[in-house]
Each structure stands twice: as structure tokens, then as C-alpha cells.
Amino acid sequence: MENAGYTTLTRQSGLLHELQVLANNIANATTTGYRQEGVIFSEFVKRIDGGPSLSMAQGNVRMTSTQQGPLNPTGGTLDLAIEGDGFFLIETPLGERLTRAGNFTLSAQGDLVTPDGFRVLDAGGAPVFVPPDAKGIGLSPDGTLSENGRPLAQIGLVRPVDRLDITREDGVMFRTDSGFEQVEEGRVLQGFLEGANVDPISQIARMIEVQRAYEMGQSFLESENERVMTALDSLIR
């Protein structure tokens, strides 16, 4: 295969990856706390056997959007949303993880948990405990939970030390290997949930563009294959 064919194949692979990311964004447009993703194309240049260099584009880097999602009022006592920077810190069997989805409930033991049963952690890294019989639960903007004005715990807001070091593990849960730091400027709102920061219209428009680009590349590969087969056929005769 000639260099043009290899270059087109890597481009096709990146476009296919972007189509999958776009489809996932659209599918999660109504998912609480979902963060939109995009694909970054990087250039790979290599010189082959001392000859001219070969440049290929690889769509192999995912970028997570930090844009604020819409804040939807629910009135739920334990529905929490972050306005501004930061993530909630949760405890999972695989370690501490980050999320923007604040649709929490209380476990039978009184721990504040996610829908999957993972415990929410406070600013000190300890589970947030709310007495099951607590009444008049309130929340201040700095994340302090209280019962009739008596402080119970302060919900931790954190962000990755390296903003680029964030890996999605499922729709709304992220891992960071660089560690995390406390966020001071973020606000926590009670009775709200943050919607997905996905613009379905722009995502569909981009999907059409990528699909057309993919089809163009496929046509080029088919033409190249036909040209090579014709040349081989002429040589054999």
C-alpha cells in the first residue's frame, strides 16, 4: 500500500473514533452531570528508511468539556449541583473518583451515596453522614450540610491537579492519576441537578460533517484499490 493509502486509513480510524464519541454525547444529552467529550487529532511524522517523511493524523486523544451544564431545579433535599469549577468526591471499590452528578440519597446506615451506592466524601476525605431521622437539612454555598442550623459535614469539592489528567470510567464518573486539590471558588446548590453540557444540535451537525468526510475517504480508498488492481492486471497480461 502506498503512503496515501496509509495516511487515509489513519484518518478514517480517527473519524470513526470521533463518530463513536459524538454518538455517545448525543445518547447522554439528558444524563445528569454528563460531561461532553471531543476528539483531538494529533500528527504522527516518521521518516521511512532515510526517504521522505510520512505524516499521519491520529484521532487518539479525548477531551472532556468543562463548560457549565444547565442547573435544573428539582426541590429535592439531597439533589445537589455544582455551580462553577470542581467535582464531588466519591468512594468506590477501585478508589476515589470524581463526578458532577449530584442526585444523592441516604443509605440505610445514614451515608450520603450515589445511585450506585458509592459514598460521598467530605472535604477531609471521610464519608458524609446524615442521621436518618434528621429534619430540616440545609446546605450553604460552601457545601456545609446542616440540620436545623447545626453543621453535620462539609461536602468536598475537588479538581485534578493536572487539568488534562482526567479519564472517564463511565458516563458520569472520572479518574485522575495526578491527584486532586480542594476547590474554593465553586458553589454547591441544594435542590438542583446539573444537566448534561451537551448541545445536541451542534453534535448532530458535527456528526453529519464527520460522516461525509468518512465517506469521502472511503471513496478514495476504493478508487486507489481499483487503480492498483488495474495496474497489476496490466502487468500480468
Protein backbone atom coordinates (compact mmCIF):
# COMPACT_ATOMS: atom_id res chain seq x y z
CA MET A 1 0.00 0.00 0.00
CA GLU A 2 1.30 3.48 -0.89
CA ASN A 3 1.74 6.29 1.59
CA ALA A 4 -1.51 7.94 0.51
CA GLY A 5 -3.39 4.79 1.46
CA TYR A 6 -1.78 4.54 4.91
CA THR A 7 -2.46 8.22 5.57
CA THR A 8 -6.11 7.84 4.58
CA LEU A 9 -6.53 4.73 6.75
CA THR A 10 -5.28 6.52 9.87
CA ARG A 11 -7.60 9.43 9.07
CA GLN A 12 -10.52 7.02 8.67
CA SER A 13 -9.73 5.41 12.02
CA GLY A 14 -9.75 8.82 13.74
CA LEU A 15 -13.02 9.85 12.06
CA LEU A 16 -14.65 6.58 13.13
CA HIS A 17 -13.50 7.21 16.71
CA GLU A 18 -14.98 10.71 16.60
CA LEU A 19 -18.29 9.33 15.30
CA GLN A 20 -18.45 7.00 18.29
CA VAL A 21 -17.74 9.88 20.70
CA LEU A 22 -20.39 12.09 19.07
CA ALA A 23 -22.96 9.29 19.24
CA ASN A 24 -22.20 8.80 22.94
CA ASN A 25 -22.61 12.54 23.60
CA ILE A 26 -25.99 12.60 21.89
CA ALA A 27 -27.14 9.47 23.75
CA ASN A 28 -26.28 11.16 27.09
CA ALA A 29 -27.79 14.57 26.31
CA THR A 30 -30.29 14.09 29.17
CA THR A 31 -27.95 12.35 31.64
CA THR A 32 -27.47 14.22 34.93
CA GLY A 33 -23.92 15.52 35.32
CA TYR A 34 -22.68 14.23 31.96
CA ARG A 35 -19.62 15.99 30.50
CA GLN A 36 -19.40 16.26 26.72
CA GLU A 37 -16.34 14.77 25.01
CA GLY A 38 -14.46 15.67 21.85
CA VAL A 39 -11.61 14.14 19.87
CA ILE A 40 -8.25 15.83 19.27
CA PHE A 41 -6.32 14.83 16.16
CA SER A 42 -2.57 14.65 16.57
CA GLU A 43 0.06 14.41 13.83
CA PHE A 44 2.46 11.48 13.64
CA VAL A 45 5.53 12.04 11.43
CA LYS A 46 8.06 9.32 10.59
CA ARG A 47 10.90 9.09 8.13
CA ILE A 48 10.95 5.73 6.36
CA ASP A 49 14.35 4.18 5.52
CA GLY A 50 16.03 7.53 5.05
CA GLY A 51 13.46 8.63 2.48
CA PRO A 52 10.82 11.35 2.66
CA SER A 53 8.85 11.64 5.88
CA LEU A 54 5.32 10.29 6.17
CA SER A 55 2.71 12.33 8.06
CA MET A 56 -0.40 10.72 9.53
CA ALA A 57 -3.28 12.17 11.55
CA GLN A 58 -4.45 10.16 14.56
CA GLY A 59 -7.68 10.90 16.42
CA ASN A 60 -6.50 9.24 19.61
CA VAL A 61 -6.95 11.89 22.32
CA ARG A 62 -10.26 12.50 24.10
CA MET A 63 -11.02 15.91 25.56
CA THR A 64 -13.64 16.40 28.29
CA SER A 65 -15.53 19.69 28.21
CA THR A 66 -15.51 21.76 31.41
CA GLN A 67 -18.37 24.00 30.32
CA GLN A 68 -21.10 24.52 32.91
CA GLY A 69 -24.21 22.43 32.32
CA PRO A 70 -27.73 23.79 32.89
CA LEU A 71 -28.88 23.91 36.52
CA ASN A 72 -32.33 22.33 36.73
CA PRO A 73 -34.45 22.91 39.88
CA THR A 74 -35.85 19.74 41.47
CA GLY A 75 -36.63 20.77 45.05
CA GLY A 76 -35.03 17.55 46.32
CA THR A 77 -33.30 17.92 49.68
CA LEU A 78 -30.34 15.78 48.62
CA ASP A 79 -30.23 16.87 44.98
CA LEU A 80 -27.02 18.90 44.75
CA ALA A 81 -25.41 20.77 41.87
CA ILE A 82 -22.06 22.50 41.47
CA GLU A 83 -22.01 25.99 40.07
CA GLY A 84 -18.54 26.72 38.75
CA ASP A 85 -15.41 24.61 38.98
CA GLY A 86 -14.94 21.31 40.78
CA PHE A 87 -16.27 17.79 41.23
CA PHE A 88 -17.88 15.81 44.03
CA LEU A 89 -15.50 13.23 45.51
CA ILE A 90 -16.88 9.70 45.88
CA GLU A 91 -15.55 6.44 47.28
CA THR A 92 -15.63 3.34 45.04
CA PRO A 93 -14.14 -0.16 45.37
CA LEU A 94 -11.44 0.93 42.88
CA GLY A 95 -10.54 4.11 44.75
CA GLU A 96 -11.69 7.72 44.92
CA ARG A 97 -13.44 9.07 41.85
CA LEU A 98 -14.86 12.40 40.66
CA THR A 99 -18.37 13.21 39.45
CA ARG A 100 -20.64 16.17 38.70
CA ALA A 101 -23.82 14.13 39.16
CA GLY A 102 -25.36 15.18 42.48
CA ASN A 103 -28.52 13.04 42.60
CA PHE A 104 -27.68 11.62 46.03
CA THR A 105 -29.68 9.63 48.55
CA LEU A 106 -29.16 8.26 52.06
CA SER A 107 -28.15 4.65 52.67
CA ALA A 108 -29.62 2.55 55.45
CA GLN A 109 -26.56 3.47 57.54
CA GLY A 110 -27.09 7.22 57.00
CA ASP A 111 -24.28 7.72 54.47
CA LEU A 112 -24.81 10.10 51.58
CA VAL A 113 -24.47 7.91 48.48
CA THR A 114 -24.76 7.98 44.69
CA PRO A 115 -27.44 5.95 42.85
CA ASP A 116 -24.82 3.17 42.57
CA GLY A 117 -24.30 3.13 46.36
CA PHE A 118 -20.88 4.84 46.36
CA ARG A 119 -20.33 7.04 49.42
CA VAL A 120 -19.87 10.79 49.01
CA LEU A 121 -16.80 12.17 50.79
CA ASP A 122 -16.36 15.39 52.74
CA ALA A 123 -13.56 17.96 52.48
CA GLY A 124 -11.38 15.75 54.70
CA GLY A 125 -11.95 12.58 52.69
CA ALA A 126 -14.36 10.98 55.18
CA PRO A 127 -17.87 9.71 54.28
CA VAL A 128 -20.65 12.25 54.67
CA PHE A 129 -23.03 11.01 57.39
CA VAL A 130 -26.56 12.33 57.88
CA PRO A 131 -28.68 10.93 60.74
CA PRO A 132 -31.61 9.02 59.19
CA ASP A 133 -34.05 10.94 61.41
CA ALA A 134 -32.56 14.35 60.57
CA LYS A 135 -35.07 17.10 59.87
CA GLY A 136 -34.65 20.46 58.21
CA ILE A 137 -31.49 19.57 56.26
CA GLY A 138 -29.94 22.68 54.76
CA LEU A 139 -26.90 23.43 52.64
CA SER A 140 -24.72 26.53 52.47
CA PRO A 141 -22.91 27.54 49.24
CA ASP A 142 -19.58 26.26 50.60
CA GLY A 143 -21.04 22.74 50.81
CA THR A 144 -21.76 22.63 54.54
CA LEU A 145 -24.72 20.36 55.35
CA SER A 146 -26.66 21.23 58.46
CA GLU A 147 -29.67 20.06 60.45
CA ASN A 148 -31.74 22.97 61.71
CA GLY A 149 -28.60 25.13 61.64
CA ARG A 150 -26.35 22.52 63.30
CA PRO A 151 -23.40 21.63 60.97
CA LEU A 152 -23.16 17.95 60.00
CA ALA A 153 -20.42 17.84 57.35
CA GLN A 154 -18.87 19.84 54.53
CA ILE A 155 -19.13 18.19 51.14
CA GLY A 156 -15.77 18.17 49.42
CA LEU A 157 -15.24 19.90 46.07
CA VAL A 158 -12.05 18.90 44.26
CA ARG A 159 -10.41 19.11 40.84
CA PRO A 160 -7.48 17.27 39.23
CA VAL A 161 -4.04 18.74 39.92
CA ASP A 162 -3.37 18.28 36.21
CA ARG A 163 -6.46 19.54 34.39
CA LEU A 164 -5.69 17.28 31.40
CA ASP A 165 -5.31 14.16 33.53
CA ILE A 166 -8.92 13.04 33.70
CA THR A 167 -10.22 9.72 32.40
CA ARG A 168 -13.88 8.81 32.05
CA GLU A 169 -14.71 5.45 33.63
CA ASP A 170 -18.42 5.52 32.89
CA GLY A 171 -20.95 8.12 31.83
CA VAL A 172 -20.52 10.47 34.82
CA MET A 173 -17.55 9.16 36.82
CA PHE A 174 -13.91 10.14 36.28
CA ARG A 175 -10.48 9.02 37.47
CA THR A 176 -7.40 11.19 37.88
CA ASP A 177 -3.93 9.74 38.44
CA SER A 178 -2.23 13.06 39.20
CA GLY A 179 -4.22 13.53 42.41
CA PHE A 180 -6.67 16.28 43.21
CA GLU A 181 -6.85 19.53 45.12
CA GLN A 182 -9.57 21.37 47.02
CA VAL A 183 -11.70 23.90 45.16
CA GLU A 184 -12.53 27.12 46.99
CA GLU A 185 -14.44 29.09 44.35
CA GLY A 186 -17.11 26.50 43.48
CA ARG A 187 -20.65 26.79 44.91
CA VAL A 188 -22.94 23.90 45.86
CA LEU A 189 -26.67 24.41 45.32
CA GLN A 190 -29.38 22.42 47.10
CA GLY A 191 -32.50 21.36 45.22
CA PHE A 192 -30.83 21.49 41.80
CA LEU A 193 -29.23 18.99 39.44
CA GLU A 194 -26.76 19.84 36.72
CA GLY A 195 -27.83 18.65 33.30
CA ALA A 196 -25.51 17.42 30.56
CA ASN A 197 -23.42 20.17 28.96
CA VAL A 198 -24.25 18.72 25.53
CA ASP A 199 -25.68 20.78 22.67
CA PRO A 200 -27.48 18.06 20.64
CA ILE A 201 -27.94 20.29 17.57
CA SER A 202 -24.23 21.09 17.23
CA GLN A 203 -23.33 17.45 17.92
CA ILE A 204 -25.68 16.20 15.18
CA ALA A 205 -24.32 18.81 12.76
CA ARG A 206 -20.76 17.72 13.54
CA MET A 207 -21.74 14.06 13.12
CA ILE A 208 -23.01 14.80 9.60
CA GLU A 209 -19.73 16.56 8.75
CA VAL A 210 -17.64 13.66 10.06
CA GLN A 211 -19.79 11.09 8.27
CA ARG A 212 -19.37 12.91 4.96
CA ALA A 213 -15.61 13.14 5.49
CA TYR A 214 -15.51 9.42 6.27
CA GLU A 215 -17.48 8.60 3.10
CA MET A 216 -15.08 10.75 1.05
CA GLY A 217 -12.10 8.87 2.47
CA GLN A 218 -13.79 5.55 1.77
CA SER A 219 -14.35 6.57 -1.85
CA PHE A 220 -10.66 7.49 -2.16
CA LEU A 221 -9.57 4.10 -0.81
CA GLU A 222 -11.87 2.28 -3.19
CA SER A 223 -10.53 4.31 -6.12
CA GLU A 224 -6.95 3.59 -5.05
CA ASN A 225 -7.71 -0.10 -4.76
CA GLU A 226 -9.25 -0.12 -8.25
CA ARG A 227 -6.22 1.71 -9.66
CA VAL A 228 -3.77 -0.74 -8.12
CA MET A 229 -5.77 -3.77 -9.29
CA THR A 230 -5.93 -2.36 -12.81
CA ALA A 231 -2.15 -1.77 -12.81
CA LEU A 232 -1.48 -5.31 -11.58
CA ASP A 233 -3.82 -6.73 -14.18
CA SER A 234 -1.96 -4.86 -16.93
CA LEU A 235 1.39 -6.12 -15.69
CA ILE A 236 0.23 -9.74 -15.56
CA ARG A 237 -1.00 -9.58 -19.13
